[in-house]
Amino acid sequence: MNKILIKLENLVVFIICIFVFYRFDFSWVLFIILIFAPDISMVGYLKGNVVGARTYNLFHTYLLSTPVLLLGLVVHMDLLTEIGLIWTAHIGIDRFLGYGVKYDSGFKDTHINRL
C-alpha cells in the first residue's frame, strides 16, 4: 500500500507540473528537450555505485527542483520557472515509474523498491 501511495503522490506532482506548464503557455519544445536532462546524472554510475547514487539523487530531489521553480515564480523569470517545472515533473514521473532515491548498493535499489 505504501508503494502505491508514493507512486500516486508523485503522479499528482507530475500532473500538477504539466497543468501549470500548460496554463502558463510555456514552450512544449523546451519541455521535450529538457524532460530527460536530469537523467544525465546517471553518468556518475561510471565511477561506481556510491558516486552514481549520490549524483543521481542530487539531481532527483525536490529539494533542488522546487526552489528553482519558486525562484522563477518570485522573480518572474519564465525560463527559470519552466526549468523548475520540467525538473519537478521529471522527478514526479520517475518516482511514479518506480525510480526512487538510490542506495549505494546499486541502481535498482531504491526507497520505493524497499517498501
N, C-alpha and C. Protein backbone atom coordinates (compact mmCIF):
# COMPACT_ATOMS: atom_id res chain seq x y z
N MET A 1 0.81 -1.20 0.00
CA MET A 1 0.00 0.00 0.00
C MET A 1 0.86 1.27 0.00
N ASN A 2 1.96 1.28 0.79
CA ASN A 2 2.84 2.46 0.84
C ASN A 2 3.45 2.76 -0.52
N LYS A 3 3.83 1.70 -1.22
CA LYS A 3 4.43 1.88 -2.54
C LYS A 3 3.43 2.52 -3.50
N ILE A 4 2.19 2.10 -3.43
CA ILE A 4 1.14 2.67 -4.29
C ILE A 4 0.93 4.14 -3.95
N LEU A 5 0.90 4.47 -2.67
CA LEU A 5 0.71 5.87 -2.26
C LEU A 5 1.84 6.76 -2.75
N ILE A 6 3.07 6.29 -2.59
CA ILE A 6 4.22 7.07 -3.06
C ILE A 6 4.14 7.29 -4.56
N LYS A 7 3.80 6.24 -5.29
CA LYS A 7 3.70 6.38 -6.75
C LYS A 7 2.58 7.34 -7.14
N LEU A 8 1.43 7.22 -6.50
CA LEU A 8 0.30 8.10 -6.83
C LEU A 8 0.58 9.55 -6.46
N GLU A 9 1.23 9.77 -5.32
CA GLU A 9 1.61 11.14 -4.94
C GLU A 9 2.49 11.78 -6.01
N ASN A 10 3.42 11.01 -6.49
CA ASN A 10 4.35 11.54 -7.49
C ASN A 10 3.70 11.70 -8.86
N LEU A 11 2.70 10.89 -9.15
CA LEU A 11 1.92 11.09 -10.37
C LEU A 11 1.17 12.42 -10.27
N VAL A 12 0.64 12.72 -9.08
CA VAL A 12 -0.05 14.00 -8.86
C VAL A 12 0.92 15.16 -9.07
N VAL A 13 2.15 15.05 -8.57
CA VAL A 13 3.16 16.09 -8.78
C VAL A 13 3.38 16.30 -10.27
N PHE A 14 3.53 15.22 -11.01
CA PHE A 14 3.74 15.30 -12.46
C PHE A 14 2.56 15.99 -13.14
N ILE A 15 1.34 15.59 -12.79
CA ILE A 15 0.14 16.16 -13.41
C ILE A 15 0.02 17.65 -13.10
N ILE A 16 0.30 18.04 -11.87
CA ILE A 16 0.25 19.46 -11.50
C ILE A 16 1.27 20.26 -12.30
N CYS A 17 2.47 19.72 -12.44
CA CYS A 17 3.51 20.41 -13.22
C CYS A 17 3.07 20.59 -14.67
N ILE A 18 2.49 19.56 -15.25
CA ILE A 18 2.00 19.64 -16.63
C ILE A 18 0.89 20.69 -16.74
N PHE A 19 -0.03 20.67 -15.77
CA PHE A 19 -1.13 21.63 -15.78
C PHE A 19 -0.63 23.07 -15.68
N VAL A 20 0.29 23.32 -14.75
CA VAL A 20 0.84 24.68 -14.59
C VAL A 20 1.61 25.07 -15.84
N PHE A 21 2.39 24.16 -16.39
CA PHE A 21 3.14 24.43 -17.63
C PHE A 21 2.19 24.85 -18.74
N TYR A 22 1.09 24.11 -18.85
CA TYR A 22 0.08 24.42 -19.87
C TYR A 22 -0.58 25.78 -19.61
N ARG A 23 -0.94 26.05 -18.35
CA ARG A 23 -1.62 27.31 -18.00
C ARG A 23 -0.75 28.54 -18.24
N PHE A 24 0.56 28.38 -18.05
CA PHE A 24 1.48 29.48 -18.29
C PHE A 24 1.82 29.61 -19.78
N ASP A 25 1.35 28.64 -20.56
CA ASP A 25 1.60 28.63 -22.01
C ASP A 25 3.09 28.63 -22.33
N PHE A 26 3.82 27.76 -21.62
CA PHE A 26 5.25 27.65 -21.84
C PHE A 26 5.55 26.80 -23.07
N SER A 27 6.80 26.75 -23.44
CA SER A 27 7.26 26.07 -24.65
C SER A 27 7.30 24.55 -24.47
N TRP A 28 6.46 23.86 -25.25
CA TRP A 28 6.47 22.39 -25.20
C TRP A 28 7.71 21.83 -25.87
N VAL A 29 8.30 22.58 -26.76
CA VAL A 29 9.56 22.15 -27.37
C VAL A 29 10.63 22.08 -26.29
N LEU A 30 10.71 23.13 -25.44
CA LEU A 30 11.66 23.12 -24.34
C LEU A 30 11.37 21.97 -23.39
N PHE A 31 10.10 21.71 -23.14
CA PHE A 31 9.72 20.61 -22.26
C PHE A 31 10.27 19.28 -22.80
N ILE A 32 10.05 19.03 -24.08
CA ILE A 32 10.52 17.78 -24.70
C ILE A 32 12.04 17.69 -24.66
N ILE A 33 12.71 18.82 -24.88
CA ILE A 33 14.18 18.83 -24.89
C ILE A 33 14.74 18.55 -23.50
N LEU A 34 14.11 19.12 -22.46
CA LEU A 34 14.68 19.03 -21.11
C LEU A 34 14.12 17.94 -20.20
N ILE A 35 13.04 17.28 -20.60
CA ILE A 35 12.38 16.35 -19.68
C ILE A 35 13.32 15.23 -19.21
N PHE A 36 14.25 14.83 -20.01
CA PHE A 36 15.16 13.76 -19.61
C PHE A 36 16.54 14.28 -19.17
N ALA A 37 16.72 15.59 -19.14
CA ALA A 37 18.01 16.18 -18.77
C ALA A 37 18.52 15.71 -17.40
N PRO A 38 17.67 15.59 -16.37
CA PRO A 38 18.21 15.12 -15.08
C PRO A 38 18.82 13.72 -15.13
N ASP A 39 18.45 12.93 -16.13
CA ASP A 39 19.00 11.58 -16.24
C ASP A 39 20.46 11.56 -16.65
N ILE A 40 20.97 12.70 -17.10
CA ILE A 40 22.40 12.79 -17.41
C ILE A 40 23.21 12.48 -16.14
N SER A 41 22.60 12.70 -14.98
CA SER A 41 23.29 12.43 -13.71
C SER A 41 23.64 10.96 -13.54
N MET A 42 23.06 10.08 -14.32
CA MET A 42 23.39 8.65 -14.23
C MET A 42 24.81 8.38 -14.68
N VAL A 43 25.43 9.34 -15.33
CA VAL A 43 26.83 9.20 -15.74
C VAL A 43 27.70 8.91 -14.53
N GLY A 44 27.29 9.38 -13.36
CA GLY A 44 28.04 9.11 -12.13
C GLY A 44 28.25 7.63 -11.86
N TYR A 45 27.35 6.80 -12.39
CA TYR A 45 27.48 5.35 -12.19
C TYR A 45 28.71 4.78 -12.89
N LEU A 46 29.29 5.54 -13.81
CA LEU A 46 30.53 5.09 -14.44
C LEU A 46 31.67 5.05 -13.43
N LYS A 47 31.52 5.82 -12.34
CA LYS A 47 32.53 5.85 -11.27
C LYS A 47 32.16 4.90 -10.13
N GLY A 48 31.09 4.13 -10.29
CA GLY A 48 30.69 3.18 -9.27
C GLY A 48 29.35 3.54 -8.64
N ASN A 49 28.86 2.60 -7.84
CA ASN A 49 27.53 2.76 -7.24
C ASN A 49 27.42 3.93 -6.27
N VAL A 50 28.45 4.16 -5.48
CA VAL A 50 28.37 5.23 -4.48
C VAL A 50 28.29 6.59 -5.16
N VAL A 51 29.21 6.86 -6.06
CA VAL A 51 29.20 8.15 -6.79
C VAL A 51 27.93 8.25 -7.63
N GLY A 52 27.55 7.17 -8.27
CA GLY A 52 26.36 7.16 -9.10
C GLY A 52 25.10 7.48 -8.32
N ALA A 53 24.94 6.83 -7.18
CA ALA A 53 23.75 7.07 -6.36
C ALA A 53 23.71 8.52 -5.88
N ARG A 54 24.83 9.03 -5.47
CA ARG A 54 24.87 10.41 -4.96
C ARG A 54 24.59 11.44 -6.05
N THR A 55 25.16 11.22 -7.22
CA THR A 55 24.90 12.18 -8.32
C THR A 55 23.45 12.08 -8.77
N TYR A 56 22.97 10.86 -8.91
CA TYR A 56 21.58 10.66 -9.32
C TYR A 56 20.64 11.32 -8.31
N ASN A 57 20.85 11.06 -7.04
CA ASN A 57 19.97 11.61 -6.00
C ASN A 57 20.02 13.13 -5.95
N LEU A 58 21.20 13.69 -6.19
CA LEU A 58 21.34 15.15 -6.18
C LEU A 58 20.42 15.80 -7.22
N PHE A 59 20.33 15.18 -8.39
CA PHE A 59 19.52 15.75 -9.47
C PHE A 59 18.09 15.21 -9.50
N HIS A 60 17.77 14.33 -8.55
CA HIS A 60 16.42 13.77 -8.48
C HIS A 60 15.80 14.00 -7.11
N THR A 61 15.97 15.21 -6.60
CA THR A 61 15.35 15.56 -5.33
C THR A 61 14.55 16.85 -5.50
N TYR A 62 13.39 16.86 -4.90
CA TYR A 62 12.56 18.06 -4.91
C TYR A 62 13.22 19.20 -4.15
N LEU A 63 14.22 18.89 -3.34
CA LEU A 63 14.92 19.91 -2.57
C LEU A 63 15.70 20.88 -3.46
N LEU A 64 15.99 20.49 -4.68
CA LEU A 64 16.65 21.39 -5.62
C LEU A 64 15.69 21.93 -6.69
N SER A 65 14.82 21.07 -7.17
CA SER A 65 13.94 21.49 -8.27
C SER A 65 12.89 22.51 -7.84
N THR A 66 12.33 22.34 -6.66
CA THR A 66 11.28 23.28 -6.25
C THR A 66 11.81 24.68 -5.91
N PRO A 67 12.98 24.83 -5.30
CA PRO A 67 13.50 26.20 -5.13
C PRO A 67 13.75 26.89 -6.47
N VAL A 68 14.20 26.14 -7.47
CA VAL A 68 14.39 26.73 -8.80
C VAL A 68 13.04 27.20 -9.34
N LEU A 69 12.03 26.36 -9.20
CA LEU A 69 10.68 26.71 -9.63
C LEU A 69 10.16 27.94 -8.89
N LEU A 70 10.28 27.92 -7.57
CA LEU A 70 9.78 29.05 -6.77
C LEU A 70 10.54 30.34 -7.05
N LEU A 71 11.84 30.25 -7.23
CA LEU A 71 12.63 31.44 -7.56
C LEU A 71 12.17 32.03 -8.89
N GLY A 72 11.94 31.16 -9.86
CA GLY A 72 11.45 31.63 -11.16
C GLY A 72 10.11 32.34 -11.03
N LEU A 73 9.22 31.81 -10.18
CA LEU A 73 7.92 32.44 -9.98
C LEU A 73 8.05 33.78 -9.26
N VAL A 74 8.92 33.82 -8.24
CA VAL A 74 9.08 35.04 -7.43
C VAL A 74 9.70 36.18 -8.24
N VAL A 75 10.72 35.87 -9.02
CA VAL A 75 11.41 36.92 -9.79
C VAL A 75 10.83 37.10 -11.20
N HIS A 76 9.74 36.38 -11.48
CA HIS A 76 9.05 36.46 -12.77
C HIS A 76 10.00 36.17 -13.94
N MET A 77 10.76 35.11 -13.78
CA MET A 77 11.70 34.69 -14.82
C MET A 77 11.16 33.39 -15.43
N ASP A 78 10.55 33.52 -16.60
CA ASP A 78 9.89 32.37 -17.21
C ASP A 78 10.81 31.17 -17.43
N LEU A 79 12.02 31.40 -17.90
CA LEU A 79 12.92 30.29 -18.19
C LEU A 79 13.22 29.50 -16.92
N LEU A 80 13.46 30.19 -15.82
CA LEU A 80 13.72 29.51 -14.55
C LEU A 80 12.48 28.74 -14.08
N THR A 81 11.31 29.33 -14.25
CA THR A 81 10.06 28.66 -13.90
C THR A 81 9.86 27.41 -14.75
N GLU A 82 10.12 27.53 -16.04
CA GLU A 82 9.99 26.38 -16.94
C GLU A 82 10.94 25.26 -16.54
N ILE A 83 12.19 25.61 -16.28
CA ILE A 83 13.18 24.61 -15.89
C ILE A 83 12.76 23.93 -14.59
N GLY A 84 12.30 24.72 -13.61
CA GLY A 84 11.85 24.15 -12.35
C GLY A 84 10.66 23.22 -12.52
N LEU A 85 9.71 23.61 -13.36
CA LEU A 85 8.54 22.76 -13.62
C LEU A 85 8.93 21.46 -14.33
N ILE A 86 9.77 21.58 -15.34
CA ILE A 86 10.20 20.40 -16.10
C ILE A 86 10.98 19.46 -15.19
N TRP A 87 11.87 20.02 -14.40
CA TRP A 87 12.70 19.22 -13.49
C TRP A 87 11.82 18.52 -12.46
N THR A 88 10.88 19.24 -11.88
CA THR A 88 9.99 18.66 -10.88
C THR A 88 9.09 17.60 -11.53
N ALA A 89 8.61 17.87 -12.73
CA ALA A 89 7.79 16.89 -13.45
C ALA A 89 8.59 15.61 -13.71
N HIS A 90 9.85 15.78 -14.07
CA HIS A 90 10.71 14.62 -14.32
C HIS A 90 10.82 13.75 -13.07
N ILE A 91 11.07 14.37 -11.94
CA ILE A 91 11.19 13.62 -10.69
C ILE A 91 9.88 12.91 -10.39
N GLY A 92 8.76 13.62 -10.57
CA GLY A 92 7.46 13.03 -10.30
C GLY A 92 7.19 11.80 -11.15
N ILE A 93 7.45 11.89 -12.44
CA ILE A 93 7.17 10.75 -13.31
C ILE A 93 8.16 9.61 -13.05
N ASP A 94 9.40 9.95 -12.76
CA ASP A 94 10.39 8.92 -12.41
C ASP A 94 9.93 8.12 -11.19
N ARG A 95 9.52 8.82 -10.16
CA ARG A 95 9.10 8.13 -8.94
C ARG A 95 7.80 7.38 -9.14
N PHE A 96 6.93 7.88 -9.98
CA PHE A 96 5.71 7.15 -10.31
C PHE A 96 6.07 5.82 -10.98
N LEU A 97 7.10 5.85 -11.82
CA LEU A 97 7.54 4.65 -12.52
C LEU A 97 8.40 3.73 -11.66
N GLY A 98 8.70 4.17 -10.43
CA GLY A 98 9.45 3.32 -9.50
C GLY A 98 10.92 3.65 -9.36
N TYR A 99 11.39 4.68 -10.06
CA TYR A 99 12.79 5.09 -9.93
C TYR A 99 12.91 6.07 -8.77
N GLY A 100 13.21 5.55 -7.62
CA GLY A 100 13.26 6.39 -6.43
C GLY A 100 14.65 6.82 -6.06
N VAL A 101 14.78 7.28 -4.83
CA VAL A 101 16.06 7.68 -4.27
C VAL A 101 16.94 6.43 -4.21
N LYS A 102 18.14 6.54 -4.76
CA LYS A 102 19.03 5.39 -4.89
C LYS A 102 19.85 5.16 -3.62
N TYR A 103 20.10 3.89 -3.36
CA TYR A 103 21.04 3.50 -2.30
C TYR A 103 22.37 3.15 -2.94
N ASP A 104 23.42 3.18 -2.16
CA ASP A 104 24.77 2.91 -2.66
C ASP A 104 24.97 1.49 -3.18
N SER A 105 24.04 0.60 -2.88
CA SER A 105 24.20 -0.81 -3.25
C SER A 105 23.91 -1.11 -4.72
N GLY A 106 23.27 -0.19 -5.43
CA GLY A 106 23.01 -0.43 -6.84
C GLY A 106 21.88 0.42 -7.38
N PHE A 107 21.84 0.58 -8.68
CA PHE A 107 20.87 1.46 -9.33
C PHE A 107 19.43 1.06 -9.05
N LYS A 108 19.16 -0.22 -9.00
CA LYS A 108 17.79 -0.69 -8.82
C LYS A 108 17.35 -0.71 -7.37
N ASP A 109 18.27 -0.45 -6.45
CA ASP A 109 17.94 -0.45 -5.02
C ASP A 109 17.50 0.97 -4.64
N THR A 110 16.17 1.15 -4.51
CA THR A 110 15.62 2.48 -4.25
C THR A 110 14.70 2.47 -3.03
N HIS A 111 14.37 3.65 -2.57
CA HIS A 111 13.47 3.76 -1.43
C HIS A 111 12.08 3.20 -1.75
N ILE A 112 11.70 3.20 -3.00
CA ILE A 112 10.40 2.65 -3.38
C ILE A 112 10.44 1.14 -3.41
N ASN A 113 11.53 0.58 -3.93
CA ASN A 113 11.64 -0.88 -4.01
C ASN A 113 11.80 -1.55 -2.65
N ARG A 114 12.24 -0.79 -1.66
CA ARG A 114 12.43 -1.37 -0.33
C ARG A 114 11.14 -1.42 0.48
N LEU A 115 10.06 -0.85 -0.06
CA LEU A 115 8.79 -0.87 0.68
C LEU A 115 8.14 -2.23 0.61
